[in-house]
């Protein structure tokens, strides 16, 4: 990683003290007049809910919940979208589509680079207590759901790289109509294809998770680790682009070159 991390206050106390306590109508007015935010009709801010940015565009009927914090350099939230109670979203670029729901106590943040980006598509949902780390870009496609307690990381580093320990900074992409049930861990560099369902309590890493054809499941240059001794599913389940974990050993359709490893996962 050649770029420097951007220093940023985790909690914007000054902004919260100035604007957080204002009732929603006064907060909308202050944001428009004093800060130049573009705010649509019927936007609602709960007590303590704030948006902090250089360029801010909030569509019609957006809701910012109680003590929710959204902060970044560039922020765009589409109409009918919401950020739930005590959620925290902090990234250099935040782009949220229409009718997207971030539920209560979701955390989106961590060390930030100039390229850090959190992009959440339309008609999506992130459920309670999920943790997303967009140090490198996280892109989530339309109609995708992320269950509670899910963890999505774009970086992994702690021990000294000069001593040979790994340092990993890679973006994560989730396609359209993807479903991550509760407690899925997504590793840096993962790409999950359109229409894929991952089993609960799974660990997912790799750059091509999902189906490439309508009839068979294709895993290429990918490692998927389930909380199980095998993978359960009939051919029709895999044909519908579903991956199931947290089960006992079961039947597996042909996985091509990856099939020799499935018994060890």
C-alpha atoms as a PDB file:
ATOM      1  CA  UNK A   1       0.000   0.000   0.000  1.00  0.00           C
ATOM      2  CA  UNK A   2       1.702   3.200  -1.192  1.00  0.00           C
ATOM      3  CA  UNK A   3      -0.984   5.732  -0.209  1.00  0.00           C
ATOM      4  CA  UNK A   4      -1.121   7.370   3.204  1.00  0.00           C
ATOM      5  CA  UNK A   5      -4.079   6.934   5.520  1.00  0.00           C
ATOM      6  CA  UNK A   6      -6.327   9.959   5.976  1.00  0.00           C
ATOM      7  CA  UNK A   7      -6.512  11.272   9.554  1.00  0.00           C
ATOM      8  CA  UNK A   8     -10.112  11.752  10.658  1.00  0.00           C
ATOM      9  CA  UNK A   9     -11.985  12.187  13.925  1.00  0.00           C
ATOM     10  CA  UNK A  10     -13.985   9.061  14.613  1.00  0.00           C
ATOM     11  CA  UNK A  11     -16.829  11.042  16.190  1.00  0.00           C
ATOM     12  CA  UNK A  12     -17.440  14.597  14.839  1.00  0.00           C
ATOM     13  CA  UNK A  13     -18.130  16.083  18.270  1.00  0.00           C
ATOM     14  CA  UNK A  14     -18.144  19.719  17.116  1.00  0.00           C
ATOM     15  CA  UNK A  15     -20.653  19.061  14.354  1.00  0.00           C
ATOM     16  CA  UNK A  16     -22.817  17.023  16.717  1.00  0.00           C
ATOM     17  CA  UNK A  17     -22.806  19.814  19.302  1.00  0.00           C
ATOM     18  CA  UNK A  18     -23.746  22.434  16.700  1.00  0.00           C
ATOM     19  CA  UNK A  19     -26.379  20.534  14.728  1.00  0.00           C
ATOM     20  CA  UNK A  20     -27.187  17.197  16.358  1.00  0.00           C
ATOM     21  CA  UNK A  21     -29.663  18.551  18.913  1.00  0.00           C
ATOM     22  CA  UNK A  22     -31.693  20.554  16.380  1.00  0.00           C
ATOM     23  CA  UNK A  23     -35.190  19.331  15.497  1.00  0.00           C
ATOM     24  CA  UNK A  24     -35.499  17.960  11.990  1.00  0.00           C
ATOM     25  CA  UNK A  25     -36.970  21.099  10.281  1.00  0.00           C
ATOM     26  CA  UNK A  26     -34.280  23.369  11.735  1.00  0.00           C
ATOM     27  CA  UNK A  27     -31.543  20.872  10.930  1.00  0.00           C
ATOM     28  CA  UNK A  28     -32.659  20.714   7.292  1.00  0.00           C
ATOM     29  CA  UNK A  29     -32.644  24.521   7.121  1.00  0.00           C
ATOM     30  CA  UNK A  30     -29.214  24.817   8.751  1.00  0.00           C
ATOM     31  CA  UNK A  31     -27.734  22.179   6.481  1.00  0.00           C
ATOM     32  CA  UNK A  32     -29.089  23.902   3.370  1.00  0.00           C
ATOM     33  CA  UNK A  33     -28.280  27.484   4.310  1.00  0.00           C
ATOM     34  CA  UNK A  34     -25.095  27.163   6.348  1.00  0.00           C
ATOM     35  CA  UNK A  35     -23.417  24.135   4.795  1.00  0.00           C
ATOM     36  CA  UNK A  36     -24.839  24.123   1.272  1.00  0.00           C
ATOM     37  CA  UNK A  37     -26.181  20.556   1.401  1.00  0.00           C
ATOM     38  CA  UNK A  38     -28.637  19.506  -1.300  1.00  0.00           C
ATOM     39  CA  UNK A  39     -31.585  18.072   0.607  1.00  0.00           C
ATOM     40  CA  UNK A  40     -34.770  16.733  -0.961  1.00  0.00           C
ATOM     41  CA  UNK A  41     -38.348  16.848   0.265  1.00  0.00           C
ATOM     42  CA  UNK A  42     -39.486  15.256   3.533  1.00  0.00           C
ATOM     43  CA  UNK A  43     -35.975  14.339   4.678  1.00  0.00           C
ATOM     44  CA  UNK A  44     -36.076  13.477   8.385  1.00  0.00           C
ATOM     45  CA  UNK A  45     -33.327  13.667  10.991  1.00  0.00           C
ATOM     46  CA  UNK A  46     -33.846  12.109  14.424  1.00  0.00           C
ATOM     47  CA  UNK A  47     -32.258  13.599  17.530  1.00  0.00           C
ATOM     48  CA  UNK A  48     -28.476  13.352  17.293  1.00  0.00           C
ATOM     49  CA  UNK A  49     -28.587  12.108  13.698  1.00  0.00           C
ATOM     50  CA  UNK A  50     -26.035  14.009  11.600  1.00  0.00           C
ATOM     51  CA  UNK A  51     -24.503  14.065   8.127  1.00  0.00           C
ATOM     52  CA  UNK A  52     -20.995  15.526   7.774  1.00  0.00           C
ATOM     53  CA  UNK A  53     -19.440  16.092   4.351  1.00  0.00           C
ATOM     54  CA  UNK A  54     -18.022  18.509   1.808  1.00  0.00           C
ATOM     55  CA  UNK A  55     -20.489  17.521  -0.916  1.00  0.00           C
ATOM     56  CA  UNK A  56     -23.807  16.137   0.343  1.00  0.00           C
ATOM     57  CA  UNK A  57     -26.872  15.168  -1.688  1.00  0.00           C
ATOM     58  CA  UNK A  58     -29.863  13.617   0.138  1.00  0.00           C
ATOM     59  CA  UNK A  59     -32.852  12.508  -1.948  1.00  0.00           C
ATOM     60  CA  UNK A  60     -36.530  12.753  -1.060  1.00  0.00           C
ATOM     61  CA  UNK A  61     -37.782  10.915   2.054  1.00  0.00           C
ATOM     62  CA  UNK A  62     -34.314   9.999   3.348  1.00  0.00           C
ATOM     63  CA  UNK A  63     -34.219   9.172   7.082  1.00  0.00           C
ATOM     64  CA  UNK A  64     -31.230   9.538   9.414  1.00  0.00           C
ATOM     65  CA  UNK A  65     -31.925   7.753  12.712  1.00  0.00           C
ATOM     66  CA  UNK A  66     -31.335   8.538  16.369  1.00  0.00           C
ATOM     67  CA  UNK A  67     -27.627   9.226  17.050  1.00  0.00           C
ATOM     68  CA  UNK A  68     -26.713   7.970  13.559  1.00  0.00           C
ATOM     69  CA  UNK A  69     -23.539   9.403  12.027  1.00  0.00           C
ATOM     70  CA  UNK A  70     -22.834   9.621   8.285  1.00  0.00           C
ATOM     71  CA  UNK A  71     -19.564  11.334   7.404  1.00  0.00           C
ATOM     72  CA  UNK A  72     -17.350  11.535   4.325  1.00  0.00           C
ATOM     73  CA  UNK A  73     -16.015  13.909   1.738  1.00  0.00           C
ATOM     74  CA  UNK A  74     -18.671  13.051  -0.873  1.00  0.00           C
ATOM     75  CA  UNK A  75     -22.055  11.704   0.257  1.00  0.00           C
ATOM     76  CA  UNK A  76     -25.010  10.788  -1.938  1.00  0.00           C
ATOM     77  CA  UNK A  77     -28.101   9.011  -0.559  1.00  0.00           C
ATOM     78  CA  UNK A  78     -31.000   8.168  -2.864  1.00  0.00           C
ATOM     79  CA  UNK A  79     -34.665   8.712  -2.118  1.00  0.00           C
ATOM     80  CA  UNK A  80     -36.514   6.555   0.443  1.00  0.00           C
ATOM     81  CA  UNK A  81     -33.234   5.296   1.926  1.00  0.00           C
ATOM     82  CA  UNK A  82     -32.504   5.229   5.646  1.00  0.00           C
ATOM     83  CA  UNK A  83     -29.696   4.899   8.182  1.00  0.00           C
ATOM     84  CA  UNK A  84     -30.872   3.322  11.427  1.00  0.00           C
ATOM     85  CA  UNK A  85     -30.487   4.175  15.095  1.00  0.00           C
ATOM     86  CA  UNK A  86     -26.888   4.478  16.327  1.00  0.00           C
ATOM     87  CA  UNK A  87     -25.416   3.362  13.016  1.00  0.00           C
ATOM     88  CA  UNK A  88     -22.067   4.765  11.946  1.00  0.00           C
ATOM     89  CA  UNK A  89     -21.059   5.238   8.301  1.00  0.00           C
ATOM     90  CA  UNK A  90     -17.700   6.889   7.649  1.00  0.00           C
ATOM     91  CA  UNK A  91     -15.865   6.769   4.308  1.00  0.00           C
ATOM     92  CA  UNK A  92     -14.274   9.201   1.856  1.00  0.00           C
ATOM     93  CA  UNK A  93     -16.989   8.503  -0.722  1.00  0.00           C
ATOM     94  CA  UNK A  94     -20.436   7.246   0.288  1.00  0.00           C
ATOM     95  CA  UNK A  95     -22.916   6.417  -2.453  1.00  0.00           C
ATOM     96  CA  UNK A  96     -26.236   4.854  -1.455  1.00  0.00           C
ATOM     97  CA  UNK A  97     -28.969   4.095  -3.979  1.00  0.00           C
ATOM     98  CA  UNK A  98     -32.734   4.375  -3.678  1.00  0.00           C
ATOM     99  CA  UNK A  99     -34.808   2.464  -1.100  1.00  0.00           C
ATOM    100  CA  UNK A 100     -31.689   1.154   0.663  1.00  0.00           C
ATOM    101  CA  UNK A 101     -31.922   0.318   4.355  1.00  0.00           C
ATOM    102  CA  UNK A 102     -29.089   0.349   6.875  1.00  0.00           C
ATOM    103  CA  UNK A 103     -30.571  -0.967  10.102  1.00  0.00           C
ATOM    104  CA  UNK A 104     -29.628  -0.282  13.733  1.00  0.00           C
ATOM    105  CA  UNK A 105     -26.042  -0.297  15.025  1.00  0.00           C
ATOM    106  CA  UNK A 106     -24.366  -1.035  11.716  1.00  0.00           C
ATOM    107  CA  UNK A 107     -20.714   0.044  11.561  1.00  0.00           C
ATOM    108  CA  UNK A 108     -19.127   1.094   8.267  1.00  0.00           C
ATOM    109  CA  UNK A 109     -15.656   2.532   8.783  1.00  0.00           C
ATOM    110  CA  UNK A 110     -12.022   1.976   9.624  1.00  0.00           C
ATOM    111  CA  UNK A 111      -8.712   3.282   8.267  1.00  0.00           C
ATOM    112  CA  UNK A 112      -9.307   5.398   5.174  1.00  0.00           C
ATOM    113  CA  UNK A 113      -7.412   6.056   1.967  1.00  0.00           C
ATOM    114  CA  UNK A 114      -8.184   8.647  -0.741  1.00  0.00           C
ATOM    115  CA  UNK A 115      -9.746   5.824  -2.782  1.00  0.00           C
ATOM    116  CA  UNK A 116     -11.928   4.514   0.069  1.00  0.00           C
ATOM    117  CA  UNK A 117     -15.491   4.102  -1.187  1.00  0.00           C
ATOM    118  CA  UNK A 118     -18.686   2.580   0.153  1.00  0.00           C
ATOM    119  CA  UNK A 119     -21.235   1.985  -2.612  1.00  0.00           C
ATOM    120  CA  UNK A 120     -24.588   0.452  -1.684  1.00  0.00           C
ATOM    121  CA  UNK A 121     -27.052  -0.270  -4.487  1.00  0.00           C
ATOM    122  CA  UNK A 122     -30.793   0.292  -4.650  1.00  0.00           C
ATOM    123  CA  UNK A 123     -33.334  -1.901  -2.807  1.00  0.00           C
ATOM    124  CA  UNK A 124     -30.632  -3.274  -0.541  1.00  0.00           C
ATOM    125  CA  UNK A 125     -30.516  -3.939   3.185  1.00  0.00           C
ATOM    126  CA  UNK A 126     -27.787  -4.260   5.817  1.00  0.00           C
ATOM    127  CA  UNK A 127     -29.112  -5.765   9.031  1.00  0.00           C
ATOM    128  CA  UNK A 128     -28.214  -5.051  12.634  1.00  0.00           C
ATOM    129  CA  UNK A 129     -24.665  -5.183  14.005  1.00  0.00           C
ATOM    130  CA  UNK A 130     -22.992  -5.786  10.647  1.00  0.00           C
ATOM    131  CA  UNK A 131     -19.404  -4.496  10.336  1.00  0.00           C
ATOM    132  CA  UNK A 132     -17.997  -3.291   7.000  1.00  0.00           C
ATOM    133  CA  UNK A 133     -14.477  -2.001   6.494  1.00  0.00           C
ATOM    134  CA  UNK A 134     -14.164   0.093   3.284  1.00  0.00           C
ATOM    135  CA  UNK A 135     -10.464   1.006   3.493  1.00  0.00           C
ATOM    136  CA  UNK A 136     -10.443  -0.253  -0.089  1.00  0.00           C
ATOM    137  CA  UNK A 137     -13.720   0.099  -2.015  1.00  0.00           C
ATOM    138  CA  UNK A 138     -16.736  -1.996  -1.050  1.00  0.00           C
ATOM    139  CA  UNK A 139     -19.304  -2.160  -3.857  1.00  0.00           C
ATOM    140  CA  UNK A 140     -22.670  -3.833  -3.187  1.00  0.00           C
ATOM    141  CA  UNK A 141     -25.046  -4.361  -6.114  1.00  0.00           C
ATOM    142  CA  UNK A 142     -28.782  -3.737  -6.348  1.00  0.00           C
ATOM    143  CA  UNK A 143     -31.258  -6.021  -4.522  1.00  0.00           C
ATOM    144  CA  UNK A 144     -28.540  -7.473  -2.279  1.00  0.00           C
ATOM    145  CA  UNK A 145     -29.084  -8.277   1.397  1.00  0.00           C
ATOM    146  CA  UNK A 146     -26.483  -8.504   4.164  1.00  0.00           C
ATOM    147  CA  UNK A 147     -27.519 -10.228   7.371  1.00  0.00           C
ATOM    148  CA  UNK A 148     -26.752  -9.146  10.902  1.00  0.00           C
ATOM    149  CA  UNK A 149     -23.330  -9.786  12.447  1.00  0.00           C
ATOM    150  CA  UNK A 150     -21.761 -10.091   8.969  1.00  0.00           C
ATOM    151  CA  UNK A 151     -18.144  -8.949   8.663  1.00  0.00           C
ATOM    152  CA  UNK A 152     -16.721  -7.559   5.410  1.00  0.00           C
ATOM    153  CA  UNK A 153     -13.052  -6.544   5.408  1.00  0.00           C
ATOM    154  CA  UNK A 154     -10.906  -4.942   2.711  1.00  0.00           C
ATOM    155  CA  UNK A 155      -7.688  -5.005   4.692  1.00  0.00           C
ATOM    156  CA  UNK A 156      -5.867  -7.334   7.023  1.00  0.00           C
ATOM    157  CA  UNK A 157      -2.601  -6.366   8.702  1.00  0.00           C
ATOM    158  CA  UNK A 158      -1.102  -6.332  12.159  1.00  0.00           C
ATOM    159  CA  UNK A 159       2.323  -7.918  12.495  1.00  0.00           C
ATOM    160  CA  UNK A 160       5.350  -6.284  10.914  1.00  0.00           C
ATOM    161  CA  UNK A 161       5.509  -6.774   7.138  1.00  0.00           C
ATOM    162  CA  UNK A 162       9.298  -6.361   7.279  1.00  0.00           C
ATOM    163  CA  UNK A 163       9.398  -9.598   9.237  1.00  0.00           C
ATOM    164  CA  UNK A 164       7.547 -11.383   6.466  1.00  0.00           C
ATOM    165  CA  UNK A 165       4.029 -11.216   7.835  1.00  0.00           C
ATOM    166  CA  UNK A 166       1.185 -10.700   5.339  1.00  0.00           C
ATOM    167  CA  UNK A 167      -0.319  -7.319   4.478  1.00  0.00           C
ATOM    168  CA  UNK A 168      -3.519  -7.394   2.454  1.00  0.00           C
ATOM    169  CA  UNK A 169      -5.437  -4.404   1.058  1.00  0.00           C
ATOM    170  CA  UNK A 170      -7.976  -5.395  -1.605  1.00  0.00           C
ATOM    171  CA  UNK A 171     -11.498  -4.253  -2.573  1.00  0.00           C
ATOM    172  CA  UNK A 172     -14.646  -6.346  -2.097  1.00  0.00           C
ATOM    173  CA  UNK A 173     -17.483  -6.556  -4.620  1.00  0.00           C
ATOM    174  CA  UNK A 174     -20.904  -8.122  -4.125  1.00  0.00           C
ATOM    175  CA  UNK A 175     -23.020  -8.460  -7.268  1.00  0.00           C
ATOM    176  CA  UNK A 176     -26.738  -7.965  -7.718  1.00  0.00           C
ATOM    177  CA  UNK A 177     -29.301 -10.105  -5.848  1.00  0.00           C
ATOM    178  CA  UNK A 178     -26.713 -11.559  -3.470  1.00  0.00           C
ATOM    179  CA  UNK A 179     -27.786 -12.770  -0.028  1.00  0.00           C
ATOM    180  CA  UNK A 180     -25.435 -13.105   2.934  1.00  0.00           C
ATOM    181  CA  UNK A 181     -27.328 -14.558   5.923  1.00  0.00           C
ATOM    182  CA  UNK A 182     -26.225 -13.804   9.458  1.00  0.00           C
ATOM    183  CA  UNK A 183     -22.581 -14.133  10.506  1.00  0.00           C
ATOM    184  CA  UNK A 184     -20.864 -14.416   7.136  1.00  0.00           C
ATOM    185  CA  UNK A 185     -17.203 -13.308   7.066  1.00  0.00           C
ATOM    186  CA  UNK A 186     -16.015 -11.895   3.720  1.00  0.00           C
ATOM    187  CA  UNK A 187     -12.243 -11.601   3.299  1.00  0.00           C
ATOM    188  CA  UNK A 188     -10.309  -8.874   1.419  1.00  0.00           C
ATOM    189  CA  UNK A 189     -10.263  -9.270  -2.355  1.00  0.00           C
ATOM    190  CA  UNK A 190     -13.519 -11.235  -2.576  1.00  0.00           C
ATOM    191  CA  UNK A 191     -15.893 -10.901  -5.511  1.00  0.00           C
ATOM    192  CA  UNK A 192     -19.315 -12.591  -5.227  1.00  0.00           C
ATOM    193  CA  UNK A 193     -21.290 -12.987  -8.435  1.00  0.00           C
ATOM    194  CA  UNK A 194     -24.899 -12.012  -9.155  1.00  0.00           C
ATOM    195  CA  UNK A 195     -27.628 -14.137  -7.588  1.00  0.00           C
ATOM    196  CA  UNK A 196     -25.377 -15.969  -5.125  1.00  0.00           C
ATOM    197  CA  UNK A 197     -26.542 -17.086  -1.676  1.00  0.00           C
ATOM    198  CA  UNK A 198     -23.874 -17.856   0.927  1.00  0.00           C
ATOM    199  CA  UNK A 199     -24.575 -20.139   3.886  1.00  0.00           C
ATOM    200  CA  UNK A 200     -24.781 -18.729   7.413  1.00  0.00           C
ATOM    201  CA  UNK A 201     -21.582 -18.786   9.507  1.00  0.00           C
ATOM    202  CA  UNK A 202     -19.432 -19.074   6.369  1.00  0.00           C
ATOM    203  CA  UNK A 203     -15.999 -17.677   5.588  1.00  0.00           C
ATOM    204  CA  UNK A 204     -15.743 -16.507   1.970  1.00  0.00           C
ATOM    205  CA  UNK A 205     -12.655 -15.435   0.055  1.00  0.00           C
ATOM    206  CA  UNK A 206     -11.686 -15.368  -3.602  1.00  0.00           C
ATOM    207  CA  UNK A 207     -12.326 -13.400  -6.739  1.00  0.00           C
ATOM    208  CA  UNK A 208     -15.015 -15.411  -8.497  1.00  0.00           C
ATOM    209  CA  UNK A 209     -17.598 -16.822  -6.098  1.00  0.00           C
ATOM    210  CA  UNK A 210     -20.877 -17.825  -7.785  1.00  0.00           C
ATOM    211  CA  UNK A 211     -22.238 -19.278 -10.997  1.00  0.00           C
ATOM    212  CA  UNK A 212     -20.871 -18.642 -14.441  1.00  0.00           C
ATOM    213  CA  UNK A 213     -23.550 -20.683 -16.223  1.00  0.00           C
ATOM    214  CA  UNK A 214     -27.199 -21.479 -15.536  1.00  0.00           C
ATOM    215  CA  UNK A 215     -26.680 -25.222 -15.235  1.00  0.00           C
ATOM    216  CA  UNK A 216     -23.530 -25.831 -13.223  1.00  0.00           C
ATOM    217  CA  UNK A 217     -21.614 -24.188 -10.449  1.00  0.00           C
ATOM    218  CA  UNK A 218     -18.174 -22.890 -11.417  1.00  0.00           C
ATOM    219  CA  UNK A 219     -15.579 -21.923  -8.816  1.00  0.00           C
ATOM    220  CA  UNK A 220     -12.416 -20.408 -10.215  1.00  0.00           C
ATOM    221  CA  UNK A 221      -9.379 -19.325  -8.186  1.00  0.00           C
ATOM    222  CA  UNK A 222     -11.596 -19.283  -5.118  1.00  0.00           C
ATOM    223  CA  UNK A 223     -11.543 -20.563  -1.562  1.00  0.00           C
ATOM    224  CA  UNK A 224     -14.819 -20.932   0.331  1.00  0.00           C
ATOM    225  CA  UNK A 225     -14.654 -22.138   3.910  1.00  0.00           C
ATOM    226  CA  UNK A 226     -17.901 -23.271   5.540  1.00  0.00           C
ATOM    227  CA  UNK A 227     -18.636 -24.113   9.144  1.00  0.00           C
ATOM    228  CA  UNK A 228     -19.236 -27.691   8.042  1.00  0.00           C
ATOM    229  CA  UNK A 229     -17.604 -30.953   7.026  1.00  0.00           C
ATOM    230  CA  UNK A 230     -19.042 -30.725   3.546  1.00  0.00           C
ATOM    231  CA  UNK A 231     -21.372 -28.851   1.235  1.00  0.00           C
ATOM    232  CA  UNK A 232     -25.019 -29.785   1.010  1.00  0.00           C
ATOM    233  CA  UNK A 233     -27.156 -29.189  -2.021  1.00  0.00           C
ATOM    234  CA  UNK A 234     -28.809 -30.864  -4.961  1.00  0.00           C
ATOM    235  CA  UNK A 235     -28.019 -29.961  -8.521  1.00  0.00           C
ATOM    236  CA  UNK A 236     -31.082 -27.742  -8.734  1.00  0.00           C
ATOM    237  CA  UNK A 237     -29.998 -25.741  -5.693  1.00  0.00           C
ATOM    238  CA  UNK A 238     -26.597 -25.045  -7.183  1.00  0.00           C
ATOM    239  CA  UNK A 239     -28.219 -24.353 -10.531  1.00  0.00           C
ATOM    240  CA  UNK A 240     -30.204 -21.620  -8.840  1.00  0.00           C
ATOM    241  CA  UNK A 241     -26.921 -20.137  -7.628  1.00  0.00           C
ATOM    242  CA  UNK A 242     -27.172 -21.148  -3.979  1.00  0.00           C
ATOM    243  CA  UNK A 243     -24.342 -22.169  -1.688  1.00  0.00           C
ATOM    244  CA  UNK A 244     -25.210 -23.741   1.667  1.00  0.00           C
ATOM    245  CA  UNK A 245     -22.979 -24.035   4.733  1.00  0.00           C
ATOM    246  CA  UNK A 246     -23.280 -24.943   8.413  1.00  0.00           C
ATOM    247  CA  UNK A 247     -24.398 -28.472   7.519  1.00  0.00           C
ATOM    248  CA  UNK A 248     -23.164 -32.025   7.714  1.00  0.00           C
ATOM    249  CA  UNK A 249     -21.530 -33.627   4.714  1.00  0.00           C
ATOM    250  CA  UNK A 250     -23.890 -33.969   1.762  1.00  0.00           C
ATOM    251  CA  UNK A 251     -24.062 -34.398  -1.967  1.00  0.00           C
ATOM    252  CA  UNK A 252     -22.239 -32.046  -4.255  1.00  0.00           C
ATOM    253  CA  UNK A 253     -22.711 -31.589  -7.991  1.00  0.00           C
ATOM    254  CA  UNK A 254     -19.713 -31.348 -10.245  1.00  0.00           C
ATOM    255  CA  UNK A 255     -17.495 -28.406  -9.352  1.00  0.00           C
ATOM    256  CA  UNK A 256     -14.982 -28.915 -12.126  1.00  0.00           C
ATOM    257  CA  UNK A 257     -11.369 -28.321 -11.118  1.00  0.00           C
ATOM    258  CA  UNK A 258     -12.424 -27.291  -7.616  1.00  0.00           C
ATOM    259  CA  UNK A 259     -14.309 -30.532  -6.879  1.00  0.00           C
ATOM    260  CA  UNK A 260     -11.259 -32.344  -5.516  1.00  0.00           C
ATOM    261  CA  UNK A 261     -11.107 -29.908  -2.590  1.00  0.00           C
ATOM    262  CA  UNK A 262     -14.722 -29.877  -1.497  1.00  0.00           C
ATOM    263  CA  UNK A 263     -14.364 -32.715   0.953  1.00  0.00           C
ATOM    264  CA  UNK A 264     -11.824 -30.733   2.961  1.00  0.00           C
ATOM    265  CA  UNK A 265     -13.917 -27.581   3.275  1.00  0.00           C
END
